[in-house]
Amino acid sequence: MLIRKIQPVDIVLVDWNMPEMDGCCLLKEIRSEAEFAEVPVMMVTTESEMDQVETALEAGANEYLMKPFDKQGLLEKLVLLGIDPGRQAA
C-alpha cells in the first residue's frame, strides 16, 4: 500500500471507483493497519445514494464529499476533520 511510503499522512482522499480496488476496500485495508487507524479519510465520489454514504462511513470514512465539488466544499470538509487548510506543510 502506497500510504506506507508517505509519512506523515495528514489525510487520505479516496475515490469510490478506482481501478484494481474500489474505495471501500481500500478504506477497510487502511483501517486494518494500526498505524493508520486514526488518519482522517475522506471518500470523494459521484456515488450519492444514502446507502453508499453509509457503506463508506461503516468502512471507515470520516467524511464524504460528492463530486463535482468546489474549493469551498473541500475546505469545509477539511475544517470538519480538524485540518487547518491554511497550514503550511513542514
PDB file of N, CA and C in Angstrom:
ATOM      1  N   MET A   1       0.842  -1.168   0.000  1.00  0.00           N
ATOM      2  CA  MET A   1       0.000   0.000   0.000  1.00  0.00           C
ATOM      3  C   MET A   1       0.895   1.240   0.000  1.00  0.00           C
ATOM      4  N   LEU A   2       0.646   2.154  -0.903  1.00  0.00           N
ATOM      5  CA  LEU A   2       1.466   3.352  -1.083  1.00  0.00           C
ATOM      6  C   LEU A   2       1.516   4.220   0.171  1.00  0.00           C
ATOM      7  N   ILE A   3       0.464   4.226   0.947  1.00  0.00           N
ATOM      8  CA  ILE A   3       0.407   5.051   2.155  1.00  0.00           C
ATOM      9  C   ILE A   3       1.573   4.748   3.105  1.00  0.00           C
ATOM     10  N   ARG A   4       2.097   3.555   3.066  1.00  0.00           N
ATOM     11  CA  ARG A   4       3.223   3.183   3.936  1.00  0.00           C
ATOM     12  C   ARG A   4       4.492   3.950   3.574  1.00  0.00           C
ATOM     13  N   LYS A   5       4.600   4.408   2.316  1.00  0.00           N
ATOM     14  CA  LYS A   5       5.801   5.090   1.847  1.00  0.00           C
ATOM     15  C   LYS A   5       5.752   6.594   2.093  1.00  0.00           C
ATOM     16  N   ILE A   6       4.605   7.100   2.505  1.00  0.00           N
ATOM     17  CA  ILE A   6       4.421   8.530   2.687  1.00  0.00           C
ATOM     18  C   ILE A   6       4.186   8.812   4.168  1.00  0.00           C
ATOM     19  N   GLN A   7       5.115   9.500   4.793  1.00  0.00           N
ATOM     20  CA  GLN A   7       4.971   9.814   6.214  1.00  0.00           C
ATOM     21  C   GLN A   7       5.371  11.259   6.442  1.00  0.00           C
ATOM     22  N   PRO A   8       4.719  12.009   7.253  1.00  0.00           N
ATOM     23  CA  PRO A   8       3.469  11.668   7.914  1.00  0.00           C
ATOM     24  C   PRO A   8       2.291  11.845   6.969  1.00  0.00           C
ATOM     25  N   VAL A   9       1.198  11.188   7.250  1.00  0.00           N
ATOM     26  CA  VAL A   9      -0.024  11.288   6.455  1.00  0.00           C
ATOM     27  C   VAL A   9      -1.028  12.108   7.258  1.00  0.00           C
ATOM     28  N   ASP A  10      -1.448  13.252   6.699  1.00  0.00           N
ATOM     29  CA  ASP A  10      -2.409  14.110   7.379  1.00  0.00           C
ATOM     30  C   ASP A  10      -3.844  13.736   7.035  1.00  0.00           C
ATOM     31  N   ILE A  11      -4.061  13.290   5.805  1.00  0.00           N
ATOM     32  CA  ILE A  11      -5.393  12.918   5.333  1.00  0.00           C
ATOM     33  C   ILE A  11      -5.246  12.046   4.093  1.00  0.00           C
ATOM     34  N   VAL A  12      -6.225  11.174   3.890  1.00  0.00           N
ATOM     35  CA  VAL A  12      -6.275  10.354   2.680  1.00  0.00           C
ATOM     36  C   VAL A  12      -7.594  10.658   1.987  1.00  0.00           C
ATOM     37  N   LEU A  13      -7.525  11.016   0.704  1.00  0.00           N
ATOM     38  CA  LEU A  13      -8.711  11.205  -0.119  1.00  0.00           C
ATOM     39  C   LEU A  13      -8.854   9.964  -0.990  1.00  0.00           C
ATOM     40  N   VAL A  14     -10.015   9.352  -0.944  1.00  0.00           N
ATOM     41  CA  VAL A  14     -10.241   8.087  -1.644  1.00  0.00           C
ATOM     42  C   VAL A  14     -11.433   8.236  -2.578  1.00  0.00           C
ATOM     43  N   ASP A  15     -11.272   7.802  -3.815  1.00  0.00           N
ATOM     44  CA  ASP A  15     -12.386   7.757  -4.753  1.00  0.00           C
ATOM     45  C   ASP A  15     -13.044   6.384  -4.652  1.00  0.00           C
ATOM     46  N   TRP A  16     -14.352   6.342  -4.768  1.00  0.00           N
ATOM     47  CA  TRP A  16     -15.066   5.070  -4.700  1.00  0.00           C
ATOM     48  C   TRP A  16     -14.680   4.170  -5.869  1.00  0.00           C
ATOM     49  N   ASN A  17     -14.677   4.744  -7.068  1.00  0.00           N
ATOM     50  CA  ASN A  17     -14.438   3.974  -8.291  1.00  0.00           C
ATOM     51  C   ASN A  17     -13.006   4.159  -8.765  1.00  0.00           C
ATOM     52  N   MET A  18     -12.176   3.177  -8.436  1.00  0.00           N
ATOM     53  CA  MET A  18     -10.772   3.208  -8.845  1.00  0.00           C
ATOM     54  C   MET A  18     -10.450   1.895  -9.544  1.00  0.00           C
ATOM     55  N   PRO A  19      -9.435   1.900 -10.392  1.00  0.00           N
ATOM     56  CA  PRO A  19      -9.020   0.635 -10.999  1.00  0.00           C
ATOM     57  C   PRO A  19      -8.366  -0.263  -9.941  1.00  0.00           C
ATOM     58  N   GLU A  20      -8.480  -1.518 -10.086  1.00  0.00           N
ATOM     59  CA  GLU A  20      -7.859  -2.539  -9.241  1.00  0.00           C
ATOM     60  C   GLU A  20      -8.535  -2.745  -7.892  1.00  0.00           C
ATOM     61  N   MET A  21      -8.947  -1.674  -7.205  1.00  0.00           N
ATOM     62  CA  MET A  21      -9.573  -1.820  -5.892  1.00  0.00           C
ATOM     63  C   MET A  21     -10.550  -0.660  -5.701  1.00  0.00           C
ATOM     64  N   ASP A  22     -11.780  -0.962  -5.256  1.00  0.00           N
ATOM     65  CA  ASP A  22     -12.703   0.151  -5.030  1.00  0.00           C
ATOM     66  C   ASP A  22     -12.373   0.840  -3.710  1.00  0.00           C
ATOM     67  N   GLY A  23     -12.902   2.043  -3.554  1.00  0.00           N
ATOM     68  CA  GLY A  23     -12.574   2.870  -2.402  1.00  0.00           C
ATOM     69  C   GLY A  23     -12.922   2.249  -1.064  1.00  0.00           C
ATOM     70  N   CYS A  24     -14.041   1.518  -1.000  1.00  0.00           N
ATOM     71  CA  CYS A  24     -14.417   0.887   0.276  1.00  0.00           C
ATOM     72  C   CYS A  24     -13.432  -0.210   0.668  1.00  0.00           C
ATOM     73  N   CYS A  25     -12.974  -0.965  -0.292  1.00  0.00           N
ATOM     74  CA  CYS A  25     -11.962  -1.992   0.005  1.00  0.00           C
ATOM     75  C   CYS A  25     -10.668  -1.340   0.483  1.00  0.00           C
ATOM     76  N   LEU A  26     -10.273  -0.244  -0.161  1.00  0.00           N
ATOM     77  CA  LEU A  26      -9.070   0.461   0.271  1.00  0.00           C
ATOM     78  C   LEU A  26      -9.252   1.018   1.682  1.00  0.00           C
ATOM     79  N   LEU A  27     -10.420   1.579   1.956  1.00  0.00           N
ATOM     80  CA  LEU A  27     -10.708   2.081   3.307  1.00  0.00           C
ATOM     81  C   LEU A  27     -10.538   0.989   4.350  1.00  0.00           C
ATOM     82  N   LYS A  28     -11.112  -0.164   4.078  1.00  0.00           N
ATOM     83  CA  LYS A  28     -11.009  -1.287   5.016  1.00  0.00           C
ATOM     84  C   LYS A  28      -9.555  -1.703   5.215  1.00  0.00           C
ATOM     85  N   GLU A  29      -8.781  -1.676   4.125  1.00  0.00           N
ATOM     86  CA  GLU A  29      -7.362  -2.044   4.231  1.00  0.00           C
ATOM     87  C   GLU A  29      -6.602  -1.007   5.059  1.00  0.00           C
ATOM     88  N   ILE A  30      -6.872   0.258   4.824  1.00  0.00           N
ATOM     89  CA  ILE A  30      -6.227   1.319   5.607  1.00  0.00           C
ATOM     90  C   ILE A  30      -6.566   1.159   7.086  1.00  0.00           C
ATOM     91  N   ARG A  31      -7.836   0.955   7.377  1.00  0.00           N
ATOM     92  CA  ARG A  31      -8.276   0.843   8.767  1.00  0.00           C
ATOM     93  C   ARG A  31      -7.780  -0.434   9.453  1.00  0.00           C
ATOM     94  N   SER A  32      -7.389  -1.426   8.673  1.00  0.00           N
ATOM     95  CA  SER A  32      -6.873  -2.659   9.275  1.00  0.00           C
ATOM     96  C   SER A  32      -5.440  -2.499   9.777  1.00  0.00           C
ATOM     97  N   GLU A  33      -4.781  -1.424   9.381  1.00  0.00           N
ATOM     98  CA  GLU A  33      -3.413  -1.134   9.798  1.00  0.00           C
ATOM     99  C   GLU A  33      -3.454  -0.231  11.035  1.00  0.00           C
ATOM    100  N   ALA A  34      -2.941  -0.688  12.138  1.00  0.00           N
ATOM    101  CA  ALA A  34      -2.991   0.075  13.389  1.00  0.00           C
ATOM    102  C   ALA A  34      -2.382   1.464  13.247  1.00  0.00           C
ATOM    103  N   GLU A  35      -1.298   1.594  12.489  1.00  0.00           N
ATOM    104  CA  GLU A  35      -0.631   2.892  12.374  1.00  0.00           C
ATOM    105  C   GLU A  35      -1.463   3.926  11.609  1.00  0.00           C
ATOM    106  N   PHE A  36      -2.473   3.472  10.859  1.00  0.00           N
ATOM    107  CA  PHE A  36      -3.311   4.388  10.089  1.00  0.00           C
ATOM    108  C   PHE A  36      -4.744   4.456  10.612  1.00  0.00           C
ATOM    109  N   ALA A  37      -4.995   3.860  11.748  1.00  0.00           N
ATOM    110  CA  ALA A  37      -6.354   3.794  12.295  1.00  0.00           C
ATOM    111  C   ALA A  37      -6.941   5.179  12.573  1.00  0.00           C
ATOM    112  N   GLU A  38      -6.099   6.130  12.908  1.00  0.00           N
ATOM    113  CA  GLU A  38      -6.581   7.467  13.264  1.00  0.00           C
ATOM    114  C   GLU A  38      -6.415   8.497  12.150  1.00  0.00           C
ATOM    115  N   VAL A  39      -5.852   8.117  11.018  1.00  0.00           N
ATOM    116  CA  VAL A  39      -5.669   9.051   9.902  1.00  0.00           C
ATOM    117  C   VAL A  39      -7.040   9.376   9.300  1.00  0.00           C
ATOM    118  N   PRO A  40      -7.378  10.665   9.180  1.00  0.00           N
ATOM    119  CA  PRO A  40      -8.656  11.011   8.571  1.00  0.00           C
ATOM    120  C   PRO A  40      -8.714  10.567   7.109  1.00  0.00           C
ATOM    121  N   VAL A  41      -9.844   9.961   6.743  1.00  0.00           N
ATOM    122  CA  VAL A  41     -10.052   9.507   5.373  1.00  0.00           C
ATOM    123  C   VAL A  41     -11.353  10.111   4.865  1.00  0.00           C
ATOM    124  N   MET A  42     -11.271  10.743   3.684  1.00  0.00           N
ATOM    125  CA  MET A  42     -12.458  11.326   3.066  1.00  0.00           C
ATOM    126  C   MET A  42     -12.741  10.601   1.750  1.00  0.00           C
ATOM    127  N   MET A  43     -13.956  10.093   1.616  1.00  0.00           N
ATOM    128  CA  MET A  43     -14.399   9.487   0.367  1.00  0.00           C
ATOM    129  C   MET A  43     -14.857  10.622  -0.545  1.00  0.00           C
ATOM    130  N   VAL A  44     -14.292  10.698  -1.736  1.00  0.00           N
ATOM    131  CA  VAL A  44     -14.614  11.725  -2.716  1.00  0.00           C
ATOM    132  C   VAL A  44     -15.131  11.002  -3.948  1.00  0.00           C
ATOM    133  N   THR A  45     -16.427  11.177  -4.256  1.00  0.00           N
ATOM    134  CA  THR A  45     -17.016  10.337  -5.289  1.00  0.00           C
ATOM    135  C   THR A  45     -18.291  10.924  -5.875  1.00  0.00           C
ATOM    136  N   THR A  46     -18.726  10.336  -6.967  1.00  0.00           N
ATOM    137  CA  THR A  46     -20.015  10.700  -7.565  1.00  0.00           C
ATOM    138  C   THR A  46     -21.146   9.862  -6.982  1.00  0.00           C
ATOM    139  N   GLU A  47     -20.812   8.853  -6.201  1.00  0.00           N
ATOM    140  CA  GLU A  47     -21.824   7.984  -5.593  1.00  0.00           C
ATOM    141  C   GLU A  47     -22.584   8.780  -4.539  1.00  0.00           C
ATOM    142  N   SER A  48     -23.876   8.999  -4.759  1.00  0.00           N
ATOM    143  CA  SER A  48     -24.617   9.897  -3.882  1.00  0.00           C
ATOM    144  C   SER A  48     -25.802   9.255  -3.161  1.00  0.00           C
ATOM    145  N   GLU A  49     -26.049   7.992  -3.395  1.00  0.00           N
ATOM    146  CA  GLU A  49     -27.171   7.351  -2.715  1.00  0.00           C
ATOM    147  C   GLU A  49     -26.836   7.143  -1.235  1.00  0.00           C
ATOM    148  N   MET A  50     -27.829   7.311  -0.384  1.00  0.00           N
ATOM    149  CA  MET A  50     -27.612   7.259   1.065  1.00  0.00           C
ATOM    150  C   MET A  50     -26.997   5.942   1.520  1.00  0.00           C
ATOM    151  N   ASP A  51     -27.380   4.820   0.903  1.00  0.00           N
ATOM    152  CA  ASP A  51     -26.808   3.540   1.324  1.00  0.00           C
ATOM    153  C   ASP A  51     -25.315   3.474   0.998  1.00  0.00           C
ATOM    154  N   GLN A  52     -24.892   4.156  -0.063  1.00  0.00           N
ATOM    155  CA  GLN A  52     -23.465   4.183  -0.389  1.00  0.00           C
ATOM    156  C   GLN A  52     -22.690   5.068   0.593  1.00  0.00           C
ATOM    157  N   VAL A  53     -23.311   6.164   0.995  1.00  0.00           N
ATOM    158  CA  VAL A  53     -22.687   7.027   2.007  1.00  0.00           C
ATOM    159  C   VAL A  53     -22.509   6.222   3.296  1.00  0.00           C
ATOM    160  N   GLU A  54     -23.545   5.519   3.706  1.00  0.00           N
ATOM    161  CA  GLU A  54     -23.487   4.696   4.918  1.00  0.00           C
ATOM    162  C   GLU A  54     -22.426   3.607   4.803  1.00  0.00           C
ATOM    163  N   THR A  55     -22.334   2.977   3.639  1.00  0.00           N
ATOM    164  CA  THR A  55     -21.323   1.941   3.420  1.00  0.00           C
ATOM    165  C   THR A  55     -19.918   2.508   3.594  1.00  0.00           C
ATOM    166  N   ALA A  56     -19.678   3.691   3.031  1.00  0.00           N
ATOM    167  CA  ALA A  56     -18.357   4.319   3.147  1.00  0.00           C
ATOM    168  C   ALA A  56     -18.047   4.670   4.599  1.00  0.00           C
ATOM    169  N   LEU A  57     -19.019   5.204   5.309  1.00  0.00           N
ATOM    170  CA  LEU A  57     -18.797   5.560   6.712  1.00  0.00           C
ATOM    171  C   LEU A  57     -18.568   4.311   7.560  1.00  0.00           C
ATOM    172  N   GLU A  58     -19.300   3.253   7.287  1.00  0.00           N
ATOM    173  CA  GLU A  58     -19.100   1.996   8.009  1.00  0.00           C
ATOM    174  C   GLU A  58     -17.737   1.376   7.706  1.00  0.00           C
ATOM    175  N   ALA A  59     -17.229   1.615   6.493  1.00  0.00           N
ATOM    176  CA  ALA A  59     -15.916   1.079   6.111  1.00  0.00           C
ATOM    177  C   ALA A  59     -14.777   1.863   6.744  1.00  0.00           C
ATOM    178  N   GLY A  60     -15.086   3.057   7.287  1.00  0.00           N
ATOM    179  CA  GLY A  60     -14.048   3.819   7.976  1.00  0.00           C
ATOM    180  C   GLY A  60     -13.838   5.233   7.502  1.00  0.00           C
ATOM    181  N   ALA A  61     -14.651   5.717   6.546  1.00  0.00           N
ATOM    182  CA  ALA A  61     -14.508   7.105   6.101  1.00  0.00           C
ATOM    183  C   ALA A  61     -14.938   8.044   7.218  1.00  0.00           C
ATOM    184  N   ASN A  62     -14.197   9.123   7.381  1.00  0.00           N
ATOM    185  CA  ASN A  62     -14.551  10.138   8.369  1.00  0.00           C
ATOM    186  C   ASN A  62     -15.479  11.190   7.774  1.00  0.00           C
ATOM    187  N   GLU A  63     -15.354  11.409   6.477  1.00  0.00           N
ATOM    188  CA  GLU A  63     -16.196  12.376   5.762  1.00  0.00           C
ATOM    189  C   GLU A  63     -16.454  11.847   4.363  1.00  0.00           C
ATOM    190  N   TYR A  64     -17.451  12.455   3.717  1.00  0.00           N
ATOM    191  CA  TYR A  64     -17.891  12.039   2.393  1.00  0.00           C
ATOM    192  C   TYR A  64     -18.134  13.305   1.593  1.00  0.00           C
ATOM    193  N   LEU A  65     -17.476  13.440   0.446  1.00  0.00           N
ATOM    194  CA  LEU A  65     -17.611  14.629  -0.396  1.00  0.00           C
ATOM    195  C   LEU A  65     -18.024  14.184  -1.794  1.00  0.00           C
ATOM    196  N   MET A  66     -19.155  14.721  -2.259  1.00  0.00           N
ATOM    197  CA  MET A  66     -19.668  14.308  -3.562  1.00  0.00           C
ATOM    198  C   MET A  66     -19.137  15.197  -4.676  1.00  0.00           C
ATOM    199  N   LYS A  67     -18.769  14.542  -5.789  1.00  0.00           N
ATOM    200  CA  LYS A  67     -18.344  15.243  -6.994  1.00  0.00           C
ATOM    201  C   LYS A  67     -19.583  15.647  -7.775  1.00  0.00           C
ATOM    202  N   PRO A  68     -19.541  16.726  -8.504  1.00  0.00           N
ATOM    203  CA  PRO A  68     -18.450  17.701  -8.507  1.00  0.00           C
ATOM    204  C   PRO A  68     -18.522  18.559  -7.246  1.00  0.00           C
ATOM    205  N   PHE A  69     -17.368  19.014  -6.808  1.00  0.00           N
ATOM    206  CA  PHE A  69     -17.313  19.876  -5.640  1.00  0.00           C
ATOM    207  C   PHE A  69     -16.433  21.067  -5.962  1.00  0.00           C
ATOM    208  N   ASP A  70     -16.558  22.094  -5.165  1.00  0.00           N
ATOM    209  CA  ASP A  70     -15.723  23.277  -5.368  1.00  0.00           C
ATOM    210  C   ASP A  70     -14.729  23.410  -4.209  1.00  0.00           C
ATOM    211  N   LYS A  71     -13.863  24.366  -4.326  1.00  0.00           N
ATOM    212  CA  LYS A  71     -12.826  24.583  -3.313  1.00  0.00           C
ATOM    213  C   LYS A  71     -13.441  24.811  -1.940  1.00  0.00           C
ATOM    214  N   GLN A  72     -14.507  25.592  -1.881  1.00  0.00           N
ATOM    215  CA  GLN A  72     -15.139  25.895  -0.599  1.00  0.00           C
ATOM    216  C   GLN A  72     -15.691  24.634   0.058  1.00  0.00           C
ATOM    217  N   GLY A  73     -16.296  23.752  -0.737  1.00  0.00           N
ATOM    218  CA  GLY A  73     -16.822  22.494  -0.196  1.00  0.00           C
ATOM    219  C   GLY A  73     -15.724  21.633   0.395  1.00  0.00           C
ATOM    220  N   LEU A  74     -14.589  21.564  -0.297  1.00  0.00           N
ATOM    221  CA  LEU A  74     -13.453  20.785   0.205  1.00  0.00           C
ATOM    222  C   LEU A  74     -12.901  21.407   1.481  1.00  0.00           C
ATOM    223  N   LEU A  75     -12.752  22.727   1.493  1.00  0.00           N
ATOM    224  CA  LEU A  75     -12.228  23.410   2.683  1.00  0.00           C
ATOM    225  C   LEU A  75     -13.130  23.185   3.889  1.00  0.00           C
ATOM    226  N   GLU A  76     -14.444  23.227   3.679  1.00  0.00           N
ATOM    227  CA  GLU A  76     -15.379  22.987   4.783  1.00  0.00           C
ATOM    228  C   GLU A  76     -15.216  21.583   5.369  1.00  0.00           C
ATOM    229  N   LYS A  77     -15.028  20.589   4.502  1.00  0.00           N
ATOM    230  CA  LYS A  77     -14.838  19.215   4.978  1.00  0.00           C
ATOM    231  C   LYS A  77     -13.520  19.087   5.734  1.00  0.00           C
ATOM    232  N   LEU A  78     -12.471  19.753   5.255  1.00  0.00           N
ATOM    233  CA  LEU A  78     -11.184  19.698   5.946  1.00  0.00           C
ATOM    234  C   LEU A  78     -11.303  20.284   7.350  1.00  0.00           C
ATOM    235  N   VAL A  79     -12.021  21.393   7.466  1.00  0.00           N
ATOM    236  CA  VAL A  79     -12.226  22.012   8.783  1.00  0.00           C
ATOM    237  C   VAL A  79     -13.003  21.056   9.690  1.00  0.00           C
ATOM    238  N   LEU A  80     -14.030  20.390   9.157  1.00  0.00           N
ATOM    239  CA  LEU A  80     -14.783  19.411   9.944  1.00  0.00           C
ATOM    240  C   LEU A  80     -13.881  18.297  10.469  1.00  0.00           C
ATOM    241  N   LEU A  81     -12.852  17.960   9.699  1.00  0.00           N
ATOM    242  CA  LEU A  81     -11.911  16.915  10.093  1.00  0.00           C
ATOM    243  C   LEU A  81     -10.816  17.441  11.030  1.00  0.00           C
ATOM    244  N   GLY A  82     -10.842  18.742  11.313  1.00  0.00           N
ATOM    245  CA  GLY A  82      -9.838  19.306  12.202  1.00  0.00           C
ATOM    246  C   GLY A  82      -8.522  19.609  11.516  1.00  0.00           C
ATOM    247  N   ILE A  83      -8.567  19.743  10.206  1.00  0.00           N
ATOM    248  CA  ILE A  83      -7.360  20.035   9.432  1.00  0.00           C
ATOM    249  C   ILE A  83      -7.403  21.499   9.037  1.00  0.00           C
ATOM    250  N   ASP A  84      -6.329  22.218   9.335  1.00  0.00           N
ATOM    251  CA  ASP A  84      -6.238  23.638   9.008  1.00  0.00           C
ATOM    252  C   ASP A  84      -5.769  23.774   7.569  1.00  0.00           C
ATOM    253  N   PRO A  85      -6.671  24.160   6.655  1.00  0.00           N
ATOM    254  CA  PRO A  85      -6.287  24.276   5.238  1.00  0.00           C
ATOM    255  C   PRO A  85      -5.232  25.352   4.976  1.00  0.00           C
ATOM    256  N   GLY A  86      -5.061  26.291   5.905  1.00  0.00           N
ATOM    257  CA  GLY A  86      -4.076  27.355   5.716  1.00  0.00           C
ATOM    258  C   GLY A  86      -2.694  27.016   6.219  1.00  0.00           C
ATOM    259  N   ARG A  87      -2.575  25.861   6.907  1.00  0.00           N
ATOM    260  CA  ARG A  87      -1.282  25.471   7.478  1.00  0.00           C
ATOM    261  C   ARG A  87      -0.307  25.089   6.363  1.00  0.00           C
ATOM    262  N   GLN A  88       0.904  25.545   6.487  1.00  0.00           N
ATOM    263  CA  GLN A  88       1.949  25.209   5.522  1.00  0.00           C
ATOM    264  C   GLN A  88       2.545  23.845   5.870  1.00  0.00           C
ATOM    265  N   ALA A  89       2.804  23.044   4.869  1.00  0.00           N
ATOM    266  CA  ALA A  89       3.434  21.739   5.089  1.00  0.00           C
ATOM    267  C   ALA A  89       4.842  21.935   5.617  1.00  0.00           C
ATOM    268  N   ALA A  90       5.261  21.041   6.500  1.00  0.00           N
ATOM    269  CA  ALA A  90       6.606  21.139   7.073  1.00  0.00           C
ATOM    270  C   ALA A  90       7.651  20.617   6.125  1.00  0.00           C
TER     271      ALA A  90
END
